[in-house]
Each structure stands twice: as structure tokens, then as C-alpha cells.
Amino acid sequence: MKMEDYKLFTIGPTQMYQSTVDVRSNVVPYFRTPEFSELMLDNKRLLKKIQFASDDSEVVFLTCSGSGAMEATVMNCFNSNDKLLVISGGTFGQRFEKICEIHNIPFEALKLGEDETLVASHFDKFEDKGFTGLLVNIDETYTGQLYDINIIRDFCDRNNLYLVVDAISSFLADPYYMEKNHIDATIISSQKGLCLAPGLSLVTLNPRMIEKVERNNVQSLYFDFKDYFVNMKRGQTPFTPAVGVCFELNDMLHKIDEQGIENRIKEVEDRCFYFRNKIKELPIYLPSYPLSNAISPIRFEKDIAMDFFAYLKDEKHIMVNPVGGELGKRSIRVAHVGDLKFEDYDNLIEEIKVFFGM
């Protein structure tokens, strides 16, 4: 069986929509043309619209994974004169910590335990401590916890912090309002809620953050956002973009725009709650903290998660997301983004019952 014949309940890459597959089947054209520039400017316009970003925001198109975009954003937005607060409740929060360490940017981490819910009181000890920015993975994909943007926004407002949000897993699964929530930079990637091929990451910056980036002296050729700002005025990137994925993106953005962003998120939410309601009688459970619509982080009572993952992959040609580290022994993640139907979840639930001998 070919890998492309697997049913994907994974958060990225996702089960692609047929329209995206059709776009991918076309020959990738040359891109230094007026036609491609028009497509990229259209992508920029639609991306700002569905993020509810201000009209004078800018979008940087990067040919890299989400981790590359995380690093590029920190490099461009901050330096050794800053002091950052990192919300660190899993492997992706830890990735922000590592990026700060590598680039010698002072930071402190707000550490959360494996099953600890982020609440307002967590920020008490960080008030008025000279922080200039906050980094957060709004859906910590490792655990599936969706952090409360209202708590985070209010803390940043009180302390006049720049707010950088990695929305890579949450975007198009949960409501997201960039301007309303005073978010200065948003990071997303092609292979998650957009349901495209991997390889393209997007960073949207509001005017306040653009000014900060313009003042920063970035020691990088490939990741200097100022170069991207200049080139995007003509609808281009300074280096070769993921041309094919840019076409996939344009097709998807127009479909989302026609459908309506609220309806797209409602689709994901409906699949999410359909699955979660169906598994209530099974010998598995979900954590008690707030969850993103993007994934359901299933927990087992015993260390059988990898056995279950292997059973689905090898015997049933179904892919779910495993979890790294110690948590991976008793947790897997089921995604609700992608071209999935209720009957697909019915099939998955039947396989869970078979695995448990029910």
C-alpha cells in the first residue's frame, strides 16, 4: 500500500482536499512574472483578511517549516536588548526557549506542568519585571492545550509587551482575531489548518512590529524580514519561494473566503465535538484543560499508545499523531482539520473498539 493511500487523522500534513491535490498536479511555473506577483499580492490580501489583521499589516512568505518561521520571527523582532517571557508548556514552548538561547536574547519561561491549565495567576510574578515581549504557542501541540488569549493579551497590555503568537496548529481550527487581541506577529504554516503541502510558512506583522523590525539589525541573509518587505511591494520574495504551495494557498484562500472563515472553523469544531462525544464511553479520556478544536489528545490508562499507533498504521492504514517524550507512552493525538467526514471518525472509533476487544 502506498503512503498516499493512508487516511490521515494527523495535524500536519493533513488529509488534503481534492482541489488542493488537483492544483498540485499542475506543472510548477516560472515565478518572476507579473502573473505570479499578482497571485502573491492576492495571497497577502486574503491572509490578512482571514486573520482579521489590520490593512497596513505585512506578510512574510518563507520557504521553511514552522520552526524556521519561529526562529526567523524571534531573530527579526527581538535582540539582546529585549527581555522575553516564554509560555512553556510542552515541546513547542521549549523550542521558543531554545531559539532565545541560541540568539542570546534574555528570557524567562512560564513553565506549566503536563496537565496544568494556564490561568491569570500564573502571570502574577512576572508583572512589572521589565519584559518587552511574550512568545506563545497558542495551541501547545504537544499537549493540545489551547491557551486563553484574553489572559495573555491583558497581561501584555498591562506591561506594554509585544505579543508574538505561534498559531500554527490553532489557525483555522479556533477563532483568531489578530487586531482585536493586539497580536503583533502571527506565525502559521501551510501543512496544518490550511491543509496544503509542507514547505511554506507565513508571518504576519502589524505596523507596531514592522517598525521594531525595521530598527533591528538582523545577522542573516535568508531570514532578514526587511528584504521581504521590500520585495513584497512588487509581489515577490527575495529568494525562490515554494512556488507550487503558493498556488495551493491561493486556491485554498479563495475557497475559505467564499465559504466564510466562521463557517470553516465551525466545520472543524463540528468534527471535533462529534468525535469527542463518541469516545466518552470508551476506555480512553481527554485532559481537563481547555482544548483546541485542532486535535483531541487522547490519553490511555496504561502505556499502550505506541501499540495503538502501530496497530492503526500497520494493520488499518490509518495515521494518527504520536506524541514524543514520556507522555508519548500513553497519549496519541487525533486531528480534526483536513478533508475528513463524520463517517471517517466512525471508522476510527470502531478500530479503537477493536483494539480494546470491545
Protein backbone atom coordinates (compact mmCIF):
# COMPACT_ATOMS: atom_id res chain seq x y z
CA MET A 1 0.00 0.00 0.00
CA LYS A 2 1.29 3.44 -0.90
CA MET A 3 1.69 6.07 1.81
CA GLU A 4 -0.68 8.37 -0.05
CA ASP A 5 -3.44 5.77 0.39
CA TYR A 6 -3.43 6.16 4.19
CA LYS A 7 -6.26 8.02 5.89
CA LEU A 8 -4.70 10.91 7.79
CA PHE A 9 -6.05 11.99 11.16
CA THR A 10 -2.84 13.98 11.62
CA ILE A 11 -2.44 17.68 12.35
CA GLY A 12 0.09 18.14 9.57
CA PRO A 13 0.40 17.08 6.88
CA THR A 14 -3.37 16.69 6.86
CA GLN A 15 -5.87 14.80 4.72
CA MET A 16 -5.77 17.13 1.71
CA TYR A 17 -8.84 18.37 -0.09
CA GLN A 18 -9.20 17.16 -3.67
CA SER A 19 -8.97 20.70 -5.04
CA THR A 20 -5.50 21.01 -3.49
CA VAL A 21 -4.46 17.68 -4.96
CA ASP A 22 -5.63 18.94 -8.35
CA VAL A 23 -3.56 22.12 -8.04
CA ARG A 24 -0.53 20.05 -7.04
CA SER A 25 -0.84 18.00 -10.24
CA ASN A 26 -0.01 21.02 -12.40
CA VAL A 27 3.47 21.87 -13.65
CA VAL A 28 5.14 24.44 -11.38
CA PRO A 29 5.66 27.59 -13.49
CA TYR A 30 8.41 30.17 -13.52
CA PHE A 31 7.68 32.77 -10.87
CA ARG A 32 9.48 36.04 -11.67
CA THR A 33 6.50 37.23 -13.66
CA PRO A 34 3.71 39.82 -13.25
CA GLU A 35 1.18 36.98 -13.07
CA PHE A 36 2.88 35.35 -10.09
CA SER A 37 3.27 38.74 -8.42
CA GLU A 38 -0.49 39.27 -8.71
CA LEU A 39 -1.11 35.86 -7.16
CA MET A 40 1.20 36.62 -4.22
CA LEU A 41 -0.38 40.00 -3.57
CA ASP A 42 -3.76 38.28 -3.64
CA ASN A 43 -2.47 35.72 -1.13
CA LYS A 44 -1.30 38.55 1.11
CA ARG A 45 -4.66 40.32 0.95
CA LEU A 46 -6.66 37.19 1.77
CA LEU A 47 -4.32 36.07 4.55
CA LYS A 48 -4.70 39.40 6.32
CA LYS A 49 -8.47 39.20 5.87
CA ILE A 50 -8.93 35.75 7.43
CA GLN A 51 -6.58 36.60 10.33
CA PHE A 52 -8.55 39.80 10.99
CA ALA A 53 -5.28 41.72 10.73
CA SER A 54 -5.11 45.46 10.05
CA ASP A 55 -4.93 46.60 6.43
CA ASP A 56 -1.46 48.05 6.98
CA SER A 57 -0.02 44.77 8.27
CA GLU A 58 2.65 42.94 6.28
CA VAL A 59 3.00 39.24 5.43
CA VAL A 60 6.36 37.49 5.05
CA PHE A 61 6.33 34.35 2.89
CA LEU A 62 9.08 31.95 3.98
CA THR A 63 10.14 28.70 2.33
CA CYS A 64 10.65 26.75 5.54
CA SER A 65 8.88 24.77 8.22
CA GLY A 66 7.04 26.35 11.13
CA SER A 67 10.13 26.02 13.30
CA GLY A 68 12.08 28.05 10.75
CA ALA A 69 9.41 30.74 10.92
CA MET A 70 9.51 30.70 14.73
CA GLU A 71 13.26 31.28 14.67
CA ALA A 72 13.07 33.91 11.92
CA THR A 73 10.38 35.83 13.82
CA VAL A 74 12.34 35.89 17.07
CA MET A 75 15.52 36.94 15.21
CA ASN A 76 13.79 39.80 13.43
CA CYS A 77 11.56 41.07 16.20
CA PHE A 78 13.93 40.94 19.16
CA ASN A 79 17.58 41.23 20.16
CA SER A 80 19.83 41.18 23.21
CA ASN A 81 18.29 44.42 24.47
CA ASP A 82 14.92 42.72 24.89
CA LYS A 83 13.65 40.55 27.71
CA LEU A 84 11.08 37.93 26.70
CA LEU A 85 8.57 35.83 28.57
CA VAL A 86 8.04 32.40 27.01
CA ILE A 87 4.96 30.36 27.88
CA SER A 88 6.44 26.88 28.00
CA GLY A 89 4.00 24.04 28.47
CA GLY A 90 5.42 21.48 26.04
CA THR A 91 7.96 20.78 23.35
CA PHE A 92 6.99 23.77 21.20
CA GLY A 93 7.22 26.21 24.08
CA GLN A 94 10.61 24.69 24.78
CA ARG A 95 11.52 25.35 21.16
CA PHE A 96 10.95 29.07 21.69
CA GLU A 97 13.22 28.85 24.75
CA LYS A 98 15.94 27.19 22.68
CA ILE A 99 15.68 29.84 19.97
CA CYS A 100 16.15 32.60 22.56
CA GLU A 101 19.18 30.79 23.99
CA ILE A 102 20.81 30.38 20.57
CA HIS A 103 20.32 34.04 19.67
CA ASN A 104 21.35 35.36 23.10
CA ILE A 105 18.01 37.01 23.78
CA PRO A 106 17.30 37.29 27.53
CA PHE A 107 14.16 35.42 28.56
CA GLU A 108 12.31 33.74 31.38
CA ALA A 109 9.94 30.81 30.98
CA LEU A 110 6.49 30.48 32.47
CA LYS A 111 6.64 26.72 32.97
CA LEU A 112 3.49 24.62 33.01
CA GLY A 113 3.18 21.02 34.11
CA GLU A 114 1.96 18.30 31.77
CA ASP A 115 -1.70 18.71 32.85
CA GLU A 116 -1.57 22.24 34.23
CA THR A 117 -4.04 24.82 32.91
CA LEU A 118 -2.73 28.31 32.18
CA VAL A 119 -4.61 30.81 34.39
CA ALA A 120 -4.27 34.53 35.12
CA SER A 121 -2.47 33.99 38.44
CA HIS A 122 0.46 32.39 36.61
CA PHE A 123 1.41 35.88 35.45
CA ASP A 124 1.44 37.50 38.89
CA LYS A 125 5.16 37.02 39.49
CA PHE A 126 6.02 38.40 36.04
CA GLU A 127 4.24 41.76 36.43
CA ASP A 128 6.40 44.88 36.05
CA LYS A 129 9.61 42.89 35.65
CA GLY A 130 10.96 44.68 32.59
CA PHE A 131 9.76 42.28 29.91
CA THR A 132 9.47 43.66 26.38
CA GLY A 133 7.81 40.73 24.60
CA LEU A 134 5.91 37.49 25.07
CA LEU A 135 6.15 34.32 22.95
CA VAL A 136 3.37 31.73 22.98
CA ASN A 137 2.28 28.68 21.00
CA ILE A 138 -1.43 29.46 21.40
CA ASP A 139 -2.22 25.77 20.93
CA GLU A 140 0.66 23.86 22.52
CA THR A 141 0.51 21.00 20.03
CA TYR A 142 2.39 18.61 22.31
CA THR A 143 -0.42 18.58 24.87
CA GLY A 144 -3.31 20.03 22.86
CA GLN A 145 -3.93 22.80 25.41
CA LEU A 146 -5.44 25.98 23.95
CA TYR A 147 -4.19 28.91 26.00
CA ASP A 148 -6.60 31.73 26.84
CA ILE A 149 -5.70 34.62 24.55
CA ASN A 150 -7.68 37.05 26.73
CA ILE A 151 -5.45 36.39 29.75
CA ILE A 152 -2.32 36.69 27.62
CA ARG A 153 -3.49 39.86 25.84
CA ASP A 154 -4.42 41.57 29.10
CA PHE A 155 -1.02 40.79 30.63
CA CYS A 156 0.76 42.14 27.56
CA ASP A 157 -1.39 45.28 27.54
CA ARG A 158 -0.73 45.99 31.23
CA ASN A 159 3.02 45.58 30.73
CA ASN A 160 3.26 47.09 27.22
CA LEU A 161 4.71 43.92 25.69
CA TYR A 162 4.99 42.90 22.07
CA LEU A 163 2.90 39.74 21.60
CA VAL A 164 4.13 37.03 19.21
CA VAL A 165 1.74 34.12 18.63
CA ASP A 166 2.62 30.81 17.02
CA ALA A 167 -0.83 29.89 15.71
CA ILE A 168 0.48 27.08 13.53
CA SER A 169 -1.84 24.38 14.89
CA SER A 170 -4.73 26.57 16.05
CA PHE A 171 -5.21 28.70 12.93
CA LEU A 172 -8.43 27.83 11.03
CA ALA A 173 -9.42 25.46 13.85
CA ASP A 174 -10.14 28.06 16.56
CA PRO A 175 -11.33 31.67 16.24
CA TYR A 176 -8.39 34.02 15.73
CA TYR A 177 -8.54 37.82 15.79
CA MET A 178 -5.14 39.40 15.33
CA GLU A 179 -6.01 43.10 15.58
CA LYS A 180 -8.69 42.69 18.27
CA ASN A 181 -6.30 40.77 20.53
CA HIS A 182 -3.40 43.17 19.97
CA ILE A 183 -1.22 40.45 18.44
CA ASP A 184 1.92 41.96 16.94
CA ALA A 185 3.12 38.92 14.98
CA THR A 186 1.37 35.72 13.91
CA ILE A 187 3.15 32.58 12.67
CA ILE A 188 1.32 29.96 10.57
CA SER A 189 2.37 27.14 8.24
CA SER A 190 0.93 25.58 5.12
CA GLN A 191 0.55 21.97 6.29
CA LYS A 192 -1.80 22.48 9.24
CA GLY A 193 -5.20 24.19 9.12
CA LEU A 194 -4.62 25.37 5.55
CA CYS A 195 -4.29 21.66 4.61
CA LEU A 196 -1.59 22.24 1.99
CA ALA A 197 1.75 20.59 1.36
CA PRO A 198 4.55 21.44 3.83
CA GLY A 199 7.21 23.96 2.91
CA LEU A 200 5.60 27.38 3.24
CA SER A 201 5.37 29.42 6.43
CA LEU A 202 3.77 32.82 6.84
CA VAL A 203 4.46 35.57 9.34
CA THR A 204 2.01 38.45 9.62
CA LEU A 205 3.26 41.58 11.41
CA ASN A 206 1.26 44.60 12.49
CA PRO A 207 2.57 48.16 11.98
CA ARG A 208 3.99 48.39 15.50
CA MET A 209 6.06 45.25 14.97
CA ILE A 210 7.09 46.30 11.47
CA GLU A 211 8.63 49.45 12.97
CA LYS A 212 10.52 47.34 15.53
CA VAL A 213 11.81 45.00 12.81
CA GLU A 214 12.96 47.98 10.74
CA ARG A 215 15.10 49.15 13.68
CA ASN A 216 16.66 45.73 14.27
CA ASN A 217 19.95 44.71 12.69
CA VAL A 218 19.45 41.05 11.77
CA GLN A 219 22.56 38.99 11.13
CA SER A 220 21.03 36.81 8.44
CA LEU A 221 20.90 36.73 4.65
CA TYR A 222 17.92 34.44 4.15
CA PHE A 223 15.76 35.45 7.13
CA ASP A 224 16.02 39.27 7.09
CA PHE A 225 12.38 40.40 7.05
CA LYS A 226 13.31 43.87 5.78
CA ASP A 227 14.35 42.27 2.49
CA TYR A 228 10.96 40.52 2.29
CA PHE A 229 9.09 43.79 2.96
CA VAL A 230 10.84 45.46 0.02
CA ASN A 231 10.28 42.57 -2.37
CA MET A 232 6.62 42.07 -1.44
CA LYS A 233 5.87 45.59 -2.65
CA ARG A 234 6.16 44.04 -6.12
CA GLY A 235 4.55 40.75 -5.12
CA GLN A 236 7.79 38.79 -4.91
CA THR A 237 10.12 37.19 -2.36
CA PRO A 238 13.89 37.78 -2.28
CA PHE A 239 14.60 34.06 -2.71
CA THR A 240 12.84 31.22 -4.51
CA PRO A 241 9.53 30.56 -2.75
CA ALA A 242 7.67 27.26 -2.51
CA VAL A 243 6.03 28.12 -5.82
CA GLY A 244 3.69 25.13 -6.01
CA VAL A 245 2.47 25.63 -2.46
CA CYS A 246 1.84 29.31 -3.20
CA PHE A 247 -0.63 28.20 -5.90
CA GLU A 248 -2.22 25.72 -3.49
CA LEU A 249 -2.50 28.56 -0.97
CA ASN A 250 -4.28 30.85 -3.41
CA ASP A 251 -6.81 28.16 -4.30
CA MET A 252 -7.46 27.40 -0.61
CA LEU A 253 -7.71 31.04 0.47
CA HIS A 254 -10.36 31.74 -2.17
CA LYS A 255 -12.36 28.70 -1.07
CA ILE A 256 -12.19 29.79 2.59
CA ASP A 257 -13.13 33.35 1.63
CA GLU A 258 -16.16 32.11 -0.33
CA GLN A 259 -17.19 29.75 2.47
CA GLY A 260 -16.61 32.32 5.20
CA ILE A 261 -13.96 31.96 7.90
CA GLU A 262 -16.57 31.36 10.62
CA ASN A 263 -18.11 28.51 8.62
CA ARG A 264 -14.69 26.95 8.03
CA ILE A 265 -13.93 26.95 11.76
CA LYS A 266 -17.42 25.62 12.50
CA GLU A 267 -16.71 22.63 10.24
CA VAL A 268 -13.61 21.77 12.25
CA GLU A 269 -15.44 22.34 15.53
CA ASP A 270 -18.30 20.05 14.45
CA ARG A 271 -15.90 17.21 13.61
CA CYS A 272 -14.09 17.80 16.88
CA PHE A 273 -17.18 17.58 19.08
CA TYR A 274 -18.63 14.70 17.08
CA PHE A 275 -15.52 12.64 17.83
CA ARG A 276 -15.20 13.71 21.47
CA ASN A 277 -18.83 12.89 22.21
CA LYS A 278 -18.48 9.47 20.57
CA ILE A 279 -15.47 8.40 22.66
CA LYS A 280 -16.99 9.19 26.06
CA GLU A 281 -17.93 5.53 26.63
CA LEU A 282 -14.54 4.17 25.58
CA PRO A 283 -11.63 3.29 27.94
CA ILE A 284 -9.77 6.47 26.98
CA TYR A 285 -10.05 10.06 28.20
CA LEU A 286 -9.15 13.65 27.39
CA PRO A 287 -7.22 16.07 29.63
CA SER A 288 -9.28 18.56 31.64
CA TYR A 289 -7.56 21.73 30.44
CA PRO A 290 -9.03 23.83 27.56
CA LEU A 291 -8.52 22.10 24.22
CA SER A 292 -8.12 23.40 20.70
CA ASN A 293 -10.55 22.21 18.06
CA ALA A 294 -7.50 21.19 16.03
CA ILE A 295 -6.72 17.95 17.88
CA SER A 296 -8.04 15.62 20.54
CA PRO A 297 -5.13 14.45 22.74
CA ILE A 298 -6.37 11.00 23.71
CA ARG A 299 -4.97 9.52 26.91
CA PHE A 300 -4.76 5.83 27.85
CA GLU A 301 -4.70 4.46 31.38
CA LYS A 302 -1.72 2.27 30.51
CA ASP A 303 1.45 2.71 28.41
CA ILE A 304 -0.10 1.38 25.20
CA ALA A 305 -0.14 4.47 22.99
CA MET A 306 2.60 3.31 20.64
CA ASP A 307 0.98 -0.13 20.33
CA PHE A 308 -2.23 1.57 19.30
CA PHE A 309 -0.38 3.85 16.85
CA ALA A 310 1.34 0.84 15.26
CA TYR A 311 -1.94 -1.12 15.07
CA LEU A 312 -3.66 1.70 13.17
CA LYS A 313 -0.70 2.36 10.87
CA ASP A 314 0.37 -1.17 10.05
CA GLU A 315 -2.92 -3.06 10.08
CA LYS A 316 -5.55 -0.46 9.23
CA HIS A 317 -3.58 2.13 7.21
CA ILE A 318 -4.77 4.92 9.45
CA MET A 319 -2.38 7.60 10.67
CA VAL A 320 -2.80 9.49 13.92
CA ASN A 321 -0.21 11.70 15.59
CA PRO A 322 2.09 10.01 18.09
CA VAL A 323 3.47 12.09 20.96
CA GLY A 324 7.14 12.38 21.84
CA GLY A 325 8.75 12.03 25.25
CA GLU A 326 7.33 10.40 28.35
CA LEU A 327 3.77 11.49 27.52
CA GLY A 328 4.00 9.52 24.29
CA LYS A 329 3.70 6.22 26.16
CA ARG A 330 0.05 6.91 26.98
CA SER A 331 -1.15 9.59 24.56
CA ILE A 332 -1.88 9.98 20.87
CA ARG A 333 -3.48 12.90 19.03
CA VAL A 334 -6.40 12.79 16.59
CA ALA A 335 -6.73 15.78 14.27
CA HIS A 336 -9.95 17.44 13.17
CA VAL A 337 -8.57 19.52 10.31
CA GLY A 338 -8.44 18.27 6.74
CA ASP A 339 -10.88 16.62 4.36
CA LEU A 340 -12.49 14.31 6.92
CA LYS A 341 -16.12 13.29 7.33
CA PHE A 342 -18.14 12.03 10.29
CA GLU A 343 -18.02 8.52 8.81
CA ASP A 344 -14.22 8.65 8.86
CA TYR A 345 -14.40 9.22 12.62
CA ASP A 346 -16.95 6.42 12.94
CA ASN A 347 -14.41 4.10 11.29
CA LEU A 348 -11.65 5.26 13.61
CA ILE A 349 -13.84 4.74 16.67
CA GLU A 350 -14.66 1.21 15.51
CA GLU A 351 -10.94 0.48 15.29
CA ILE A 352 -10.46 1.80 18.83
CA LYS A 353 -13.15 -0.64 19.97
CA VAL A 354 -11.48 -3.50 18.10
CA PHE A 355 -8.11 -2.64 19.67
CA PHE A 356 -9.67 -2.85 23.13
CA GLY A 357 -11.61 -6.01 22.29
CA MET A 358 -14.98 -4.34 22.70
